[in-house]
Every structure is written in C-alpha cells, then in structure tokens.
mmCIF file of all heavy atoms, coordinates in Angstrom:
data_MODEL
# 
_entry.id   MODEL 
# 
loop_
_atom_site.group_PDB 
_atom_site.id 
_atom_site.type_symbol 
_atom_site.label_atom_id 
_atom_site.label_alt_id 
_atom_site.label_comp_id 
_atom_site.label_asym_id 
_atom_site.label_entity_id 
_atom_site.label_seq_id 
_atom_site.pdbx_PDB_ins_code 
_atom_site.Cartn_x 
_atom_site.Cartn_y 
_atom_site.Cartn_z 
_atom_site.occupancy 
_atom_site.B_iso_or_equiv 
_atom_site.pdbx_formal_charge 
_atom_site.auth_seq_id 
_atom_site.auth_comp_id 
_atom_site.auth_asym_id 
_atom_site.auth_atom_id 
_atom_site.pdbx_PDB_model_num 
ATOM 1   N N   . ASN A 1 1  ? 9.543   3.045  -3.692  1.00 0.00 ? 1  ASN A N   1 
ATOM 2   C CA  . ASN A 1 1  ? 9.483   2.974  -5.149  1.00 0.00 ? 1  ASN A CA  1 
ATOM 3   C C   . ASN A 1 1  ? 8.576   4.057  -5.735  1.00 0.00 ? 1  ASN A C   1 
ATOM 4   O O   . ASN A 1 1  ? 8.136   3.961  -6.877  1.00 0.00 ? 1  ASN A O   1 
ATOM 5   C CB  . ASN A 1 1  ? 8.997   1.588  -5.588  1.00 0.00 ? 1  ASN A CB  1 
ATOM 6   C CG  . ASN A 1 1  ? 10.126  0.586  -5.574  1.00 0.00 ? 1  ASN A CG  1 
ATOM 7   O OD1 . ASN A 1 1  ? 10.953  0.566  -6.468  1.00 0.00 ? 1  ASN A OD1 1 
ATOM 8   N ND2 . ASN A 1 1  ? 10.191  -0.220 -4.535  1.00 0.00 ? 1  ASN A ND2 1 
ATOM 9   N N   . GLY A 1 2  ? 8.279   5.074  -4.943  1.00 0.00 ? 2  GLY A N   1 
ATOM 10  C CA  . GLY A 1 2  ? 7.585   6.238  -5.456  1.00 0.00 ? 2  GLY A CA  1 
ATOM 11  C C   . GLY A 1 2  ? 6.070   6.237  -5.324  1.00 0.00 ? 2  GLY A C   1 
ATOM 12  O O   . GLY A 1 2  ? 5.406   7.145  -5.806  1.00 0.00 ? 2  GLY A O   1 
ATOM 13  N N   . LEU A 1 3  ? 5.504   5.223  -4.674  1.00 0.00 ? 3  LEU A N   1 
ATOM 14  C CA  . LEU A 1 3  ? 4.055   5.184  -4.497  1.00 0.00 ? 3  LEU A CA  1 
ATOM 15  C C   . LEU A 1 3  ? 3.681   5.840  -3.173  1.00 0.00 ? 3  LEU A C   1 
ATOM 16  O O   . LEU A 1 3  ? 4.463   5.833  -2.230  1.00 0.00 ? 3  LEU A O   1 
ATOM 17  C CB  . LEU A 1 3  ? 3.545   3.740  -4.506  1.00 0.00 ? 3  LEU A CB  1 
ATOM 18  C CG  . LEU A 1 3  ? 3.375   3.108  -5.887  1.00 0.00 ? 3  LEU A CG  1 
ATOM 19  C CD1 . LEU A 1 3  ? 4.705   2.826  -6.529  1.00 0.00 ? 3  LEU A CD1 1 
ATOM 20  C CD2 . LEU A 1 3  ? 2.567   1.847  -5.780  1.00 0.00 ? 3  LEU A CD2 1 
ATOM 21  N N   . GLU A 1 4  ? 2.499   6.402  -3.140  1.00 0.00 ? 4  GLU A N   1 
ATOM 22  C CA  . GLU A 1 4  ? 1.956   6.952  -1.903  1.00 0.00 ? 4  GLU A CA  1 
ATOM 23  C C   . GLU A 1 4  ? 1.009   5.897  -1.348  1.00 0.00 ? 4  GLU A C   1 
ATOM 24  O O   . GLU A 1 4  ? 0.091   5.471  -2.045  1.00 0.00 ? 4  GLU A O   1 
ATOM 25  C CB  . GLU A 1 4  ? 1.155   8.204  -2.254  1.00 0.00 ? 4  GLU A CB  1 
ATOM 26  C CG  . GLU A 1 4  ? 1.362   9.378  -1.371  1.00 0.00 ? 4  GLU A CG  1 
ATOM 27  C CD  . GLU A 1 4  ? 0.558   10.557 -1.873  1.00 0.00 ? 4  GLU A CD  1 
ATOM 28  O OE1 . GLU A 1 4  ? 1.044   11.250 -2.763  1.00 0.00 ? 4  GLU A OE1 1 
ATOM 29  O OE2 . GLU A 1 4  ? -0.562  10.756 -1.353  1.00 0.00 ? 4  GLU A OE2 1 
ATOM 30  N N   . VAL A 1 5  ? 1.252   5.432  -0.148  1.00 0.00 ? 5  VAL A N   1 
ATOM 31  C CA  . VAL A 1 5  ? 0.408   4.395  0.452   1.00 0.00 ? 5  VAL A CA  1 
ATOM 32  C C   . VAL A 1 5  ? -0.136  4.934  1.769   1.00 0.00 ? 5  VAL A C   1 
ATOM 33  O O   . VAL A 1 5  ? 0.621   5.308  2.656   1.00 0.00 ? 5  VAL A O   1 
ATOM 34  C CB  . VAL A 1 5  ? 1.202   3.094  0.701   1.00 0.00 ? 5  VAL A CB  1 
ATOM 35  C CG1 . VAL A 1 5  ? 0.294   2.026  1.286   1.00 0.00 ? 5  VAL A CG1 1 
ATOM 36  C CG2 . VAL A 1 5  ? 1.853   2.598  -0.584  1.00 0.00 ? 5  VAL A CG2 1 
ATOM 37  N N   . THR A 1 6  ? -1.464  4.974  1.866   1.00 0.00 ? 6  THR A N   1 
ATOM 38  C CA  . THR A 1 6  ? -2.122  5.481  3.065   1.00 0.00 ? 6  THR A CA  1 
ATOM 39  C C   . THR A 1 6  ? -2.962  4.375  3.684   1.00 0.00 ? 6  THR A C   1 
ATOM 40  O O   . THR A 1 6  ? -3.783  3.761  3.011   1.00 0.00 ? 6  THR A O   1 
ATOM 41  C CB  . THR A 1 6  ? -3.035  6.681  2.703   1.00 0.00 ? 6  THR A CB  1 
ATOM 42  O OG1 . THR A 1 6  ? -2.252  7.660  2.026   1.00 0.00 ? 6  THR A OG1 1 
ATOM 43  C CG2 . THR A 1 6  ? -3.655  7.277  3.941   1.00 0.00 ? 6  THR A CG2 1 
ATOM 44  N N   . ASP A 1 7  ? -2.735  4.135  4.967   1.00 0.00 ? 7  ASP A N   1 
ATOM 45  C CA  . ASP A 1 7  ? -3.516  3.152  5.716   1.00 0.00 ? 7  ASP A CA  1 
ATOM 46  C C   . ASP A 1 7  ? -4.866  3.782  6.027   1.00 0.00 ? 7  ASP A C   1 
ATOM 47  O O   . ASP A 1 7  ? -4.947  4.775  6.739   1.00 0.00 ? 7  ASP A O   1 
ATOM 48  C CB  . ASP A 1 7  ? -2.776  2.784  6.994   1.00 0.00 ? 7  ASP A CB  1 
ATOM 49  C CG  . ASP A 1 7  ? -3.471  1.708  7.810   1.00 0.00 ? 7  ASP A CG  1 
ATOM 50  O OD1 . ASP A 1 7  ? -4.614  1.341  7.475   1.00 0.00 ? 7  ASP A OD1 1 
ATOM 51  O OD2 . ASP A 1 7  ? -2.868  1.248  8.784   1.00 0.00 ? 7  ASP A OD2 1 
ATOM 52  N N   . MET A 1 8  ? -5.925  3.218  5.486   1.00 0.00 ? 8  MET A N   1 
ATOM 53  C CA  . MET A 1 8  ? -7.259  3.778  5.686   1.00 0.00 ? 8  MET A CA  1 
ATOM 54  C C   . MET A 1 8  ? -8.026  3.088  6.814   1.00 0.00 ? 8  MET A C   1 
ATOM 55  O O   . MET A 1 8  ? -9.005  3.633  7.311   1.00 0.00 ? 8  MET A O   1 
ATOM 56  C CB  . MET A 1 8  ? -8.065  3.684  4.389   1.00 0.00 ? 8  MET A CB  1 
ATOM 57  C CG  . MET A 1 8  ? -7.491  4.546  3.275   1.00 0.00 ? 8  MET A CG  1 
ATOM 58  S SD  . MET A 1 8  ? -8.384  4.379  1.736   1.00 0.00 ? 8  MET A SD  1 
ATOM 59  C CE  . MET A 1 8  ? -9.991  4.989  2.172   1.00 0.00 ? 8  MET A CE  1 
ATOM 60  N N   . LYS A 1 9  ? -7.604  1.856  7.172   1.00 0.00 ? 9  LYS A N   1 
ATOM 61  C CA  . LYS A 1 9  ? -8.351  1.127  8.205   1.00 0.00 ? 9  LYS A CA  1 
ATOM 62  C C   . LYS A 1 9  ? -7.475  0.045  8.845   1.00 0.00 ? 9  LYS A C   1 
ATOM 63  O O   . LYS A 1 9  ? -7.488  -1.095 8.428   1.00 0.00 ? 9  LYS A O   1 
ATOM 64  C CB  . LYS A 1 9  ? -9.605  0.493  7.610   1.00 0.00 ? 9  LYS A CB  1 
ATOM 65  C CG  . LYS A 1 9  ? -10.497 -0.165 8.631   1.00 0.00 ? 9  LYS A CG  1 
ATOM 66  C CD  . LYS A 1 9  ? -11.717 -0.782 7.979   1.00 0.00 ? 9  LYS A CD  1 
ATOM 67  C CE  . LYS A 1 9  ? -12.518 -1.501 9.020   1.00 0.00 ? 9  LYS A CE  1 
ATOM 68  N NZ  . LYS A 1 9  ? -13.519 -2.354 8.438   1.00 0.00 ? 9  LYS A NZ  1 
ATOM 69  N N   . ASP A 1 10 ? -6.731  0.404  9.859   1.00 0.00 ? 10 ASP A N   1 
ATOM 70  C CA  . ASP A 1 10 ? -5.985  -0.548 10.695  1.00 0.00 ? 10 ASP A CA  1 
ATOM 71  C C   . ASP A 1 10 ? -5.223  -1.621 9.913   1.00 0.00 ? 10 ASP A C   1 
ATOM 72  O O   . ASP A 1 10 ? -5.323  -2.811 10.211  1.00 0.00 ? 10 ASP A O   1 
ATOM 73  C CB  . ASP A 1 10 ? -6.928  -1.236 11.691  1.00 0.00 ? 10 ASP A CB  1 
ATOM 74  C CG  . ASP A 1 10 ? -7.689  -0.237 12.550  1.00 0.00 ? 10 ASP A CG  1 
ATOM 75  O OD1 . ASP A 1 10 ? -7.077  0.768  12.955  1.00 0.00 ? 10 ASP A OD1 1 
ATOM 76  O OD2 . ASP A 1 10 ? -8.879  -0.473 12.804  1.00 0.00 ? 10 ASP A OD2 1 
ATOM 77  N N   . GLN A 1 11 ? -4.487  -1.217 8.922   1.00 0.00 ? 11 GLN A N   1 
ATOM 78  C CA  . GLN A 1 11 ? -3.692  -2.107 8.066   1.00 0.00 ? 11 GLN A CA  1 
ATOM 79  C C   . GLN A 1 11 ? -4.540  -3.178 7.386   1.00 0.00 ? 11 GLN A C   1 
ATOM 80  O O   . GLN A 1 11 ? -4.062  -4.268 7.096   1.00 0.00 ? 11 GLN A O   1 
ATOM 81  C CB  . GLN A 1 11 ? -2.545  -2.736 8.845   1.00 0.00 ? 11 GLN A CB  1 
ATOM 82  C CG  . GLN A 1 11 ? -1.532  -1.715 9.306   1.00 0.00 ? 11 GLN A CG  1 
ATOM 83  C CD  . GLN A 1 11 ? -0.268  -2.332 9.853   1.00 0.00 ? 11 GLN A CD  1 
ATOM 84  O OE1 . GLN A 1 11 ? -0.194  -3.523 10.131  1.00 0.00 ? 11 GLN A OE1 1 
ATOM 85  N NE2 . GLN A 1 11 ? 0.757   -1.522 9.977   1.00 0.00 ? 11 GLN A NE2 1 
ATOM 86  N N   . GLU A 1 12 ? -5.784  -2.855 7.107   1.00 0.00 ? 12 GLU A N   1 
ATOM 87  C CA  . GLU A 1 12 ? -6.673  -3.768 6.379   1.00 0.00 ? 12 GLU A CA  1 
ATOM 88  C C   . GLU A 1 12 ? -7.029  -3.218 5.003   1.00 0.00 ? 12 GLU A C   1 
ATOM 89  O O   . GLU A 1 12 ? -7.197  -3.972 4.051   1.00 0.00 ? 12 GLU A O   1 
ATOM 90  C CB  . GLU A 1 12 ? -7.963  -4.017 7.172   1.00 0.00 ? 12 GLU A CB  1 
ATOM 91  C CG  . GLU A 1 12 ? -7.765  -4.791 8.453   1.00 0.00 ? 12 GLU A CG  1 
ATOM 92  C CD  . GLU A 1 12 ? -7.324  -6.225 8.230   1.00 0.00 ? 12 GLU A CD  1 
ATOM 93  O OE1 . GLU A 1 12 ? -7.657  -6.817 7.196   1.00 0.00 ? 12 GLU A OE1 1 
ATOM 94  O OE2 . GLU A 1 12 ? -6.631  -6.764 9.109   1.00 0.00 ? 12 GLU A OE2 1 
ATOM 95  N N   . VAL A 1 13 ? -7.146  -1.893 4.908   1.00 0.00 ? 13 VAL A N   1 
ATOM 96  C CA  . VAL A 1 13 ? -7.518  -1.229 3.659   1.00 0.00 ? 13 VAL A CA  1 
ATOM 97  C C   . VAL A 1 13 ? -6.530  -0.089 3.413   1.00 0.00 ? 13 VAL A C   1 
ATOM 98  O O   . VAL A 1 13 ? -6.234  0.693  4.321   1.00 0.00 ? 13 VAL A O   1 
ATOM 99  C CB  . VAL A 1 13 ? -8.959  -0.670 3.730   1.00 0.00 ? 13 VAL A CB  1 
ATOM 100 C CG1 . VAL A 1 13 ? -9.323  0.039  2.430   1.00 0.00 ? 13 VAL A CG1 1 
ATOM 101 C CG2 . VAL A 1 13 ? -9.956  -1.783 4.030   1.00 0.00 ? 13 VAL A CG2 1 
ATOM 102 N N   . PHE A 1 14 ? -6.041  -0.007 2.161   1.00 0.00 ? 14 PHE A N   1 
ATOM 103 C CA  . PHE A 1 14 ? -5.032  0.986  1.817   1.00 0.00 ? 14 PHE A CA  1 
ATOM 104 C C   . PHE A 1 14 ? -5.440  1.757  0.572   1.00 0.00 ? 14 PHE A C   1 
ATOM 105 O O   . PHE A 1 14 ? -6.032  1.205  -0.355  1.00 0.00 ? 14 PHE A O   1 
ATOM 106 C CB  . PHE A 1 14 ? -3.679  0.304  1.546   1.00 0.00 ? 14 PHE A CB  1 
ATOM 107 C CG  . PHE A 1 14 ? -3.148  -0.417 2.736   1.00 0.00 ? 14 PHE A CG  1 
ATOM 108 C CD1 . PHE A 1 14 ? -3.493  -1.742 2.962   1.00 0.00 ? 14 PHE A CD1 1 
ATOM 109 C CD2 . PHE A 1 14 ? -2.326  0.222  3.639   1.00 0.00 ? 14 PHE A CD2 1 
ATOM 110 C CE1 . PHE A 1 14 ? -3.029  -2.411 4.074   1.00 0.00 ? 14 PHE A CE1 1 
ATOM 111 C CE2 . PHE A 1 14 ? -1.852  -0.449 4.759   1.00 0.00 ? 14 PHE A CE2 1 
ATOM 112 C CZ  . PHE A 1 14 ? -2.202  -1.771 4.965   1.00 0.00 ? 14 PHE A CZ  1 
ATOM 113 N N   . TRP A 1 15 ? -5.087  3.021  0.567   1.00 0.00 ? 15 TRP A N   1 
ATOM 114 C CA  . TRP A 1 15 ? -5.251  3.876  -0.599  1.00 0.00 ? 15 TRP A CA  1 
ATOM 115 C C   . TRP A 1 15 ? -3.864  3.988  -1.208  1.00 0.00 ? 15 TRP A C   1 
ATOM 116 O O   . TRP A 1 15 ? -2.911  4.370  -0.519  1.00 0.00 ? 15 TRP A O   1 
ATOM 117 C CB  . TRP A 1 15 ? -5.775  5.240  -0.138  1.00 0.00 ? 15 TRP A CB  1 
ATOM 118 C CG  . TRP A 1 15 ? -5.989  6.242  -1.215  1.00 0.00 ? 15 TRP A CG  1 
ATOM 119 C CD1 . TRP A 1 15 ? -7.047  6.311  -2.063  1.00 0.00 ? 15 TRP A CD1 1 
ATOM 120 C CD2 . TRP A 1 15 ? -5.148  7.343  -1.544  1.00 0.00 ? 15 TRP A CD2 1 
ATOM 121 N NE1 . TRP A 1 15 ? -6.910  7.397  -2.906  1.00 0.00 ? 15 TRP A NE1 1 
ATOM 122 C CE2 . TRP A 1 15 ? -5.746  8.035  -2.607  1.00 0.00 ? 15 TRP A CE2 1 
ATOM 123 C CE3 . TRP A 1 15 ? -3.927  7.799  -1.058  1.00 0.00 ? 15 TRP A CE3 1 
ATOM 124 C CZ2 . TRP A 1 15 ? -5.173  9.162  -3.183  1.00 0.00 ? 15 TRP A CZ2 1 
ATOM 125 C CZ3 . TRP A 1 15 ? -3.365  8.925  -1.639  1.00 0.00 ? 15 TRP A CZ3 1 
ATOM 126 C CH2 . TRP A 1 15 ? -3.985  9.592  -2.686  1.00 0.00 ? 15 TRP A CH2 1 
ATOM 127 N N   . VAL A 1 16 ? -3.729  3.604  -2.466  1.00 0.00 ? 16 VAL A N   1 
ATOM 128 C CA  . VAL A 1 16 ? -2.426  3.594  -3.127  1.00 0.00 ? 16 VAL A CA  1 
ATOM 129 C C   . VAL A 1 16 ? -2.474  4.544  -4.318  1.00 0.00 ? 16 VAL A C   1 
ATOM 130 O O   . VAL A 1 16 ? -3.378  4.469  -5.153  1.00 0.00 ? 16 VAL A O   1 
ATOM 131 C CB  . VAL A 1 16 ? -2.058  2.165  -3.610  1.00 0.00 ? 16 VAL A CB  1 
ATOM 132 C CG1 . VAL A 1 16 ? -0.712  2.168  -4.316  1.00 0.00 ? 16 VAL A CG1 1 
ATOM 133 C CG2 . VAL A 1 16 ? -2.049  1.197  -2.439  1.00 0.00 ? 16 VAL A CG2 1 
ATOM 134 N N   . LYS A 1 17 ? -1.499  5.441  -4.367  1.00 0.00 ? 17 LYS A N   1 
ATOM 135 C CA  . LYS A 1 17 ? -1.409  6.389  -5.471  1.00 0.00 ? 17 LYS A CA  1 
ATOM 136 C C   . LYS A 1 17 ? -0.069  6.184  -6.171  1.00 0.00 ? 17 LYS A C   1 
ATOM 137 O O   . LYS A 1 17 ? 0.985   6.261  -5.553  1.00 0.00 ? 17 LYS A O   1 
ATOM 138 C CB  . LYS A 1 17 ? -1.525  7.821  -4.961  1.00 0.00 ? 17 LYS A CB  1 
ATOM 139 C CG  . LYS A 1 17 ? -1.470  8.850  -6.065  1.00 0.00 ? 17 LYS A CG  1 
ATOM 140 C CD  . LYS A 1 17 ? -1.614  10.254 -5.499  1.00 0.00 ? 17 LYS A CD  1 
ATOM 141 C CE  . LYS A 1 17 ? -1.455  11.292 -6.580  1.00 0.00 ? 17 LYS A CE  1 
ATOM 142 N NZ  . LYS A 1 17 ? -1.381  12.647 -5.998  1.00 0.00 ? 17 LYS A NZ  1 
ATOM 143 N N   . PHE A 1 18 ? -0.141  5.909  -7.463  1.00 0.00 ? 18 PHE A N   1 
ATOM 144 C CA  . PHE A 1 18 ? 1.062   5.729  -8.274  1.00 0.00 ? 18 PHE A CA  1 
ATOM 145 C C   . PHE A 1 18 ? 1.623   7.086  -8.661  1.00 0.00 ? 18 PHE A C   1 
ATOM 146 O O   . PHE A 1 18 ? 0.896   8.092  -8.646  1.00 0.00 ? 18 PHE A O   1 
ATOM 147 C CB  . PHE A 1 18 ? 0.713   4.929  -9.530  1.00 0.00 ? 18 PHE A CB  1 
ATOM 148 C CG  . PHE A 1 18 ? 0.459   3.470  -9.275  1.00 0.00 ? 18 PHE A CG  1 
ATOM 149 C CD1 . PHE A 1 18 ? -0.776  3.039  -8.817  1.00 0.00 ? 18 PHE A CD1 1 
ATOM 150 C CD2 . PHE A 1 18 ? 1.452   2.525  -9.497  1.00 0.00 ? 18 PHE A CD2 1 
ATOM 151 C CE1 . PHE A 1 18 ? -1.024  1.698  -8.587  1.00 0.00 ? 18 PHE A CE1 1 
ATOM 152 C CE2 . PHE A 1 18 ? 1.218   1.179  -9.263  1.00 0.00 ? 18 PHE A CE2 1 
ATOM 153 C CZ  . PHE A 1 18 ? -0.022  0.763  -8.813  1.00 0.00 ? 18 PHE A CZ  1 
ATOM 154 N N   . PRO A 1 19 ? 2.892   7.159  -9.072  1.00 0.00 ? 19 PRO A N   1 
ATOM 155 C CA  . PRO A 1 19 ? 3.502   8.440  -9.458  1.00 0.00 ? 19 PRO A CA  1 
ATOM 156 C C   . PRO A 1 19 ? 2.743   9.163  -10.587 1.00 0.00 ? 19 PRO A C   1 
ATOM 157 O O   . PRO A 1 19 ? 2.774   10.381 -10.657 1.00 0.00 ? 19 PRO A O   1 
ATOM 158 C CB  . PRO A 1 19 ? 4.912   8.046  -9.917  1.00 0.00 ? 19 PRO A CB  1 
ATOM 159 C CG  . PRO A 1 19 ? 5.202   6.779  -9.192  1.00 0.00 ? 19 PRO A CG  1 
ATOM 160 C CD  . PRO A 1 19 ? 3.885   6.076  -9.084  1.00 0.00 ? 19 PRO A CD  1 
ATOM 161 N N   . THR A 1 20 ? 2.040   8.422  -11.418 1.00 0.00 ? 20 THR A N   1 
ATOM 162 C CA  . THR A 1 20 ? 1.301   9.041  -12.528 1.00 0.00 ? 20 THR A CA  1 
ATOM 163 C C   . THR A 1 20 ? -0.012  9.662  -12.066 1.00 0.00 ? 20 THR A C   1 
ATOM 164 O O   . THR A 1 20 ? -0.672  10.356 -12.835 1.00 0.00 ? 20 THR A O   1 
ATOM 165 C CB  . THR A 1 20 ? 0.963   8.000  -13.606 1.00 0.00 ? 20 THR A CB  1 
ATOM 166 O OG1 . THR A 1 20 ? 0.135   6.995  -13.019 1.00 0.00 ? 20 THR A OG1 1 
ATOM 167 C CG2 . THR A 1 20 ? 2.204   7.388  -14.198 1.00 0.00 ? 20 THR A CG2 1 
ATOM 168 N N   . GLY A 1 21 ? -0.421  9.380  -10.829 1.00 0.00 ? 21 GLY A N   1 
ATOM 169 C CA  . GLY A 1 21 ? -1.678  9.902  -10.316 1.00 0.00 ? 21 GLY A CA  1 
ATOM 170 C C   . GLY A 1 21 ? -2.771  8.849  -10.247 1.00 0.00 ? 21 GLY A C   1 
ATOM 171 O O   . GLY A 1 21 ? -3.826  9.079  -9.659  1.00 0.00 ? 21 GLY A O   1 
ATOM 172 N N   . TYR A 1 22 ? -2.544  7.686  -10.862 1.00 0.00 ? 22 TYR A N   1 
ATOM 173 C CA  . TYR A 1 22 ? -3.517  6.591  -10.798 1.00 0.00 ? 22 TYR A CA  1 
ATOM 174 C C   . TYR A 1 22 ? -3.689  6.171  -9.350  1.00 0.00 ? 22 TYR A C   1 
ATOM 175 O O   . TYR A 1 22 ? -2.719  5.984  -8.623  1.00 0.00 ? 22 TYR A O   1 
ATOM 176 C CB  . TYR A 1 22 ? -3.022  5.418  -11.653 1.00 0.00 ? 22 TYR A CB  1 
ATOM 177 C CG  . TYR A 1 22 ? -3.849  4.167  -11.564 1.00 0.00 ? 22 TYR A CG  1 
ATOM 178 C CD1 . TYR A 1 22 ? -5.116  4.112  -12.122 1.00 0.00 ? 22 TYR A CD1 1 
ATOM 179 C CD2 . TYR A 1 22 ? -3.360  3.030  -10.931 1.00 0.00 ? 22 TYR A CD2 1 
ATOM 180 C CE1 . TYR A 1 22 ? -5.880  2.952  -12.048 1.00 0.00 ? 22 TYR A CE1 1 
ATOM 181 C CE2 . TYR A 1 22 ? -4.102  1.863  -10.859 1.00 0.00 ? 22 TYR A CE2 1 
ATOM 182 C CZ  . TYR A 1 22 ? -5.365  1.834  -11.417 1.00 0.00 ? 22 TYR A CZ  1 
ATOM 183 O OH  . TYR A 1 22 ? -6.116  0.688  -11.346 1.00 0.00 ? 22 TYR A OH  1 
ATOM 184 N N   . ARG A 1 23 ? -4.942  6.046  -8.915  1.00 0.00 ? 23 ARG A N   1 
ATOM 185 C CA  . ARG A 1 23 ? -5.235  5.689  -7.525  1.00 0.00 ? 23 ARG A CA  1 
ATOM 186 C C   . ARG A 1 23 ? -6.061  4.411  -7.473  1.00 0.00 ? 23 ARG A C   1 
ATOM 187 O O   . ARG A 1 23 ? -6.892  4.165  -8.349  1.00 0.00 ? 23 ARG A O   1 
ATOM 188 C CB  . ARG A 1 23 ? -6.032  6.808  -6.861  1.00 0.00 ? 23 ARG A CB  1 
ATOM 189 C CG  . ARG A 1 23 ? -5.281  8.082  -6.756  1.00 0.00 ? 23 ARG A CG  1 
ATOM 190 C CD  . ARG A 1 23 ? -6.188  9.175  -6.190  1.00 0.00 ? 23 ARG A CD  1 
ATOM 191 N NE  . ARG A 1 23 ? -5.619  10.477 -6.426  1.00 0.00 ? 23 ARG A NE  1 
ATOM 192 C CZ  . ARG A 1 23 ? -5.957  11.267 -7.435  1.00 0.00 ? 23 ARG A CZ  1 
ATOM 193 N NH1 . ARG A 1 23 ? -6.870  10.903 -8.296  1.00 0.00 ? 23 ARG A NH1 1 
ATOM 194 N NH2 . ARG A 1 23 ? -5.379  12.427 -7.583  1.00 0.00 ? 23 ARG A NH2 1 
ATOM 195 N N   . ILE A 1 24 ? -5.836  3.643  -6.416  1.00 0.00 ? 24 ILE A N   1 
ATOM 196 C CA  . ILE A 1 24 ? -6.581  2.399  -6.242  1.00 0.00 ? 24 ILE A CA  1 
ATOM 197 C C   . ILE A 1 24 ? -6.697  2.092  -4.748  1.00 0.00 ? 24 ILE A C   1 
ATOM 198 O O   . ILE A 1 24 ? -5.806  2.442  -3.971  1.00 0.00 ? 24 ILE A O   1 
ATOM 199 C CB  . ILE A 1 24 ? -5.896  1.239  -7.012  1.00 0.00 ? 24 ILE A CB  1 
ATOM 200 C CG1 . ILE A 1 24 ? -6.749  -0.017 -7.002  1.00 0.00 ? 24 ILE A CG1 1 
ATOM 201 C CG2 . ILE A 1 24 ? -4.512  0.982  -6.479  1.00 0.00 ? 24 ILE A CG2 1 
ATOM 202 C CD1 . ILE A 1 24 ? -6.271  -1.079 -7.972  1.00 0.00 ? 24 ILE A CD1 1 
# 
C-alpha cells in the first residue's frame, strides 16, 4: 500500500514511512 517498513529489531520494532514522508 505504498509504505516503507523497516524491521529495526527482530520484528519487535519497526520504522514506518508513509508516502508523504511522515515517519513513525
């Protein structure tokens, strides 16, 4: 659905970037 999802710690913590650039 266009989001960038990066596993930061063994599927416990994720960095999520929306298409607009908003990150969480």
